[in-house]
Protein backbone atom coordinates (compact mmCIF):
# COMPACT_ATOMS: atom_id res chain seq x y z
CA MET A 1 173.52 51.64 35.10
CA ALA A 2 176.92 53.29 35.54
CA SER A 3 179.74 51.05 36.71
CA ALA A 4 182.38 52.74 38.86
CA ARG A 5 185.30 51.62 41.01
CA PHE A 6 185.20 52.41 44.74
CA ARG A 7 187.68 52.28 47.58
CA PHE A 8 186.82 53.16 51.19
CA HIS A 9 189.71 54.04 53.47
CA ASP A 10 190.50 53.33 57.12
CA GLU A 11 187.50 52.92 59.48
CA LEU A 12 185.00 53.36 56.66
CA ALA A 13 185.84 49.80 55.67
CA ASP A 14 184.07 48.63 58.84
CA PHE A 15 180.74 49.41 57.18
CA LEU A 16 181.47 47.11 54.23
CA PRO A 17 181.27 43.34 53.77
CA ARG A 18 184.63 41.71 54.49
CA GLU A 19 185.31 40.97 50.84
CA ARG A 20 185.25 44.70 50.00
CA ARG A 21 187.45 45.96 52.83
CA GLY A 22 190.83 47.46 51.97
CA ILE A 23 190.49 46.92 48.23
CA GLU A 24 189.15 48.67 45.15
CA PHE A 25 185.96 47.07 43.84
CA SER A 26 183.43 47.68 41.08
CA TYR A 27 179.85 48.67 41.78
CA ALA A 28 177.00 49.39 39.37
CA CYS A 29 174.96 52.49 40.26
CA ALA A 30 171.74 53.84 38.84
CA ARG A 31 172.54 56.23 36.00
CA ALA A 32 171.33 59.31 37.94
CA ALA A 33 172.92 58.32 41.27
CA THR A 34 174.93 60.90 43.17
CA LEU A 35 178.00 60.02 45.20
CA LYS A 36 175.84 60.27 48.33
CA ASN A 37 173.37 57.76 46.87
CA ALA A 38 176.13 55.34 45.92
CA ILE A 39 178.13 55.66 49.17
CA GLU A 40 175.05 55.02 51.30
CA ALA A 41 173.85 52.17 49.10
CA LEU A 42 177.19 50.52 49.86
CA GLY A 43 176.51 50.87 53.59
CA VAL A 44 178.37 54.03 54.65
CA PRO A 45 176.30 56.89 56.16
CA HIS A 46 177.01 60.27 54.56
CA THR A 47 177.87 61.65 58.02
CA GLU A 48 180.98 59.42 58.11
CA ALA A 49 182.46 60.37 54.76
CA GLY A 50 185.03 63.15 54.74
CA ARG A 51 187.20 63.85 51.72
CA ILE A 52 186.05 62.29 48.42
CA THR A 53 188.02 62.12 45.19
CA VAL A 54 186.80 61.08 41.75
CA ASN A 55 189.52 60.27 39.23
CA ALA A 56 192.00 61.83 41.71
CA ALA A 57 190.13 65.18 41.80
CA PRO A 58 188.15 66.49 44.79
CA ALA A 59 184.39 65.93 44.56
CA THR A 60 181.25 66.67 46.56
CA MET A 61 178.44 64.36 47.58
CA GLN A 62 176.20 65.92 44.92
CA ARG A 63 178.37 64.88 41.98
CA SER A 64 176.83 62.24 39.71
CA VAL A 65 178.50 58.86 39.34
CA ARG A 66 179.67 58.30 35.77
CA GLU A 67 180.78 55.25 33.89
CA GLY A 68 184.38 54.33 34.67
CA ASP A 69 184.81 56.71 37.62
CA ALA A 70 187.48 55.83 40.17
CA ILE A 71 186.04 56.94 43.52
CA GLU A 72 187.95 57.08 46.80
CA VAL A 73 186.22 57.90 50.07
CA TYR A 74 188.13 58.92 53.19
CA PRO A 75 186.76 59.15 56.75
CA TRP A 76 185.99 62.35 58.62
CA GLU A 77 188.80 64.38 60.06
CA THR A 78 188.66 66.21 63.37
CA GLU A 79 185.89 68.80 63.06
CA GLU A 80 186.62 72.15 64.67
CA MET A 81 183.19 73.55 65.47
CA GLY A 82 182.78 77.33 65.28
CA SER A 83 180.83 77.33 68.54
CA ASP A 84 180.19 74.84 71.31
CA PRO A 85 178.46 71.85 69.70
CA ASP A 86 175.03 70.67 70.83
CA PHE A 87 174.38 66.93 70.69
CA LEU A 88 171.46 64.54 70.50
CA ALA A 89 172.25 60.99 71.63
CA ASP A 90 169.90 58.21 70.58
CA ALA A 91 168.25 55.74 72.97
CA HIS A 92 171.26 53.40 73.10
CA LEU A 93 173.78 56.05 74.19
CA GLY A 94 172.57 57.10 77.63
CA GLY A 95 175.98 56.65 79.27
CA LEU A 96 177.66 58.78 76.61
CA ALA A 97 175.00 61.48 77.03
CA ARG A 98 175.68 61.59 80.77
CA PHE A 99 179.43 61.96 80.26
CA LEU A 100 178.92 64.76 77.71
CA ARG A 101 176.68 66.59 80.18
CA MET A 102 179.34 66.16 82.88
CA LEU A 103 181.71 67.98 80.54
CA GLY A 104 179.22 70.81 80.01
CA PHE A 105 177.99 69.93 76.51
CA ASP A 106 174.27 70.38 75.86
CA THR A 107 173.11 66.82 75.08
CA LEU A 108 169.53 65.70 74.57
CA HIS A 109 168.71 62.07 75.35
CA ASP A 110 165.39 60.36 75.96
CA HIS A 111 164.47 56.70 75.56
CA ALA A 112 161.10 57.83 74.20
CA TYR A 113 162.59 59.60 71.16
CA ARG A 114 161.55 58.01 67.88
CA ASP A 115 163.65 58.44 64.76
CA ALA A 116 161.24 61.13 63.55
CA ASP A 117 161.75 63.03 66.82
CA ILE A 118 165.52 62.82 66.47
CA VAL A 119 165.44 64.13 62.90
CA ARG A 120 163.07 66.97 63.83
CA LEU A 121 165.17 68.08 66.82
CA ALA A 122 168.39 67.82 64.81
CA ILE A 123 166.93 70.19 62.20
CA GLU A 124 165.19 72.62 64.56
CA GLU A 125 168.04 72.91 67.07
CA ARG A 126 170.99 72.19 64.76
CA ARG A 127 172.20 69.31 66.86
CA ILE A 128 174.82 66.70 66.04
CA VAL A 129 173.16 63.28 66.07
CA LEU A 130 175.14 60.57 67.87
CA SER A 131 174.01 57.06 67.02
CA ARG A 132 174.94 53.45 66.37
CA ASP A 133 172.11 53.20 63.81
CA CYS A 134 173.52 53.47 60.30
CA GLU A 135 170.09 53.83 58.70
CA LEU A 136 169.21 56.79 60.92
CA LEU A 137 172.43 58.58 59.96
CA LYS A 138 171.68 58.06 56.26
CA CYS A 139 168.65 60.34 56.56
CA ARG A 140 169.23 63.23 54.18
CA ASP A 141 167.80 65.72 56.70
CA ILE A 142 170.54 64.99 59.24
CA ALA A 143 173.21 67.49 58.27
CA CYS A 144 175.72 66.54 60.96
CA GLY A 145 175.99 63.22 62.76
CA CYS A 146 178.46 60.71 64.10
CA TYR A 147 178.35 56.94 64.06
CA VAL A 148 179.71 55.81 67.44
CA HIS A 149 181.81 52.67 66.96
CA ALA A 150 182.70 51.91 70.58
CA LEU A 151 180.37 49.88 72.78
CA LYS A 152 181.34 51.22 76.23
CA ALA A 153 180.53 54.75 77.35
CA GLU A 154 184.10 55.75 78.30
CA ALA A 155 185.46 54.70 74.91
CA GLN A 156 182.49 56.39 73.21
CA LEU A 157 183.34 59.67 74.93
CA ARG A 158 186.96 59.49 73.81
CA GLU A 159 185.79 58.79 70.26
CA VAL A 160 183.34 61.71 70.13
CA ALA A 161 185.74 64.08 71.91
CA ARG A 162 188.48 63.31 69.39
CA ARG A 163 186.20 63.79 66.41
CA PHE A 164 184.80 67.16 67.53
CA ALA A 165 187.88 68.45 69.40
CA LEU A 166 185.96 68.74 72.67
CA ALA A 167 188.82 68.74 75.19
CA ALA A 168 189.53 72.47 74.87
CA LYS A 169 185.83 73.39 75.09
CA ALA A 170 184.90 71.37 78.18
CA ARG A 171 183.23 73.18 81.09
CA PRO A 172 182.83 70.36 83.60
CA PHE A 173 179.92 70.22 86.02
CA THR A 174 177.98 73.18 84.64
CA LEU A 175 174.89 71.23 83.50
CA CYS A 176 172.36 69.12 85.37
CA LEU A 177 173.10 65.47 84.67
CA ARG A 178 169.41 64.60 84.75
CA CYS A 179 167.72 67.32 82.70
CA ASN A 180 170.53 69.09 80.80
CA VAL A 181 169.74 72.53 82.29
CA PRO A 182 172.58 74.95 83.23
CA LEU A 183 173.34 74.98 86.95
CA ASP A 184 173.17 78.18 89.00
CA PRO A 185 175.15 78.93 92.19
CA ILE A 186 172.90 79.05 95.23
CA GLU A 187 173.59 80.34 98.73
CA LYS A 188 173.89 77.68 101.37
CA ARG A 189 171.48 79.44 103.71
CA ARG A 190 168.67 79.04 101.15
CA ILE A 191 168.92 75.27 100.94
CA VAL A 192 170.59 74.22 104.19
CA HIS A 193 167.31 72.69 105.44
CA LEU A 194 167.37 70.32 102.45
CA LEU A 195 170.89 69.02 103.00
CA PRO A 196 172.06 65.88 104.78
CA GLN A 197 173.61 66.81 108.11
CA THR A 198 177.15 65.76 107.13
CA VAL A 199 176.94 67.77 103.89
CA ALA A 200 175.71 70.86 105.70
CA ALA A 201 178.62 70.54 108.11
CA THR A 202 181.37 70.04 105.52
CA GLN A 203 180.36 71.80 102.28
CA GLU A 204 180.07 75.50 101.42
CA SER A 205 179.69 75.54 97.60
CA PHE A 206 176.34 74.55 96.07
CA PHE A 207 174.62 74.64 92.69
CA HIS A 208 170.94 74.41 91.84
CA CYS A 209 169.06 73.08 88.80
CA ARG A 210 166.00 75.13 87.85
CA GLY A 211 164.57 72.19 85.95
CA CYS A 212 164.42 69.40 88.52
CA GLU A 213 165.36 71.35 91.70
CA ARG A 214 168.32 69.07 92.41
CA ILE A 215 171.17 70.44 94.51
CA TYR A 216 174.79 69.68 93.62
CA TRP A 217 177.95 70.05 95.71
CA PRO A 218 181.60 68.93 95.26
CA GLY A 219 181.54 65.83 97.45
CA SER A 220 183.25 62.46 97.04
CA HIS A 221 181.06 61.45 94.08
CA TYR A 222 182.04 64.68 92.32
CA GLU A 223 185.72 63.88 92.87
CA ARG A 224 185.33 60.38 91.41
CA MET A 225 183.61 61.82 88.33
CA ARG A 226 186.33 64.44 87.93
CA VAL A 227 189.06 61.80 88.04
CA ALA A 228 187.17 59.62 85.54
CA LEU A 229 186.71 62.51 83.11
CA GLY A 230 190.35 63.48 83.43
CA ARG A 231 191.31 59.91 82.55
CA MET A 232 189.09 59.94 79.47
CA LEU A 233 190.08 63.44 78.33
CA PRO A 234 193.63 64.09 79.52
CA GLY A 235 194.64 67.72 79.09
CA SER A 236 191.09 69.03 79.34
CA SER A 237 189.79 71.25 82.13
CA ALA A 238 188.04 68.12 83.48
CA SER A 239 191.37 66.92 84.86
CA SER A 240 191.85 69.97 87.09
CA PRO A 241 189.75 71.05 90.07
CA PRO A 242 187.55 74.07 89.26
CA PRO A 243 188.01 77.36 91.14
């Protein structure tokens, strides 16, 4: 065994037993353990660890733990993604998935997904896994993930948006809320026979989902969603009416 001293900063302490929060403590690791092994054995998923120092020098997850090491682990910092991020929300985050789709972010969500399905899709489609399951996020094959601390969907959206700097990338109301497919403009004359009479009389702008054939228009429900998104992400394009 190799005995090292650990300290986890800020919200990472939430993953630890109370007696280890906010203090430096000793922990005995297997001789060949990497920092990733040790950090996750202590309860913190590798997706949540940001900067790591060992004996005050920067270190990576692959470094081995050595006798007498002083290890400090800091939480993630805002991650500026090179392109628009694609997400995969686990079974418990349906409300968050819906809000992300409202903002135009490709987000898979299905109550039928098993952990193996989530891992496979994360690898094949390079998706960010959103979950409240620590053990799932410890999977070595999940390269990018986020443990969602909040319990309510609005707070969850603020948390994820802050972490991945989503406000500037939002394209509200461009995806189908049901099946995650991009919406296409459609001429009113092509679908007027499908519309409620009051909608046909008052609306001129319509969008169509190729996946489920739903028709969308900017009615009162749209306005309520726009106001709610603007409240959750002030300063984003969600807070302004689209052209």
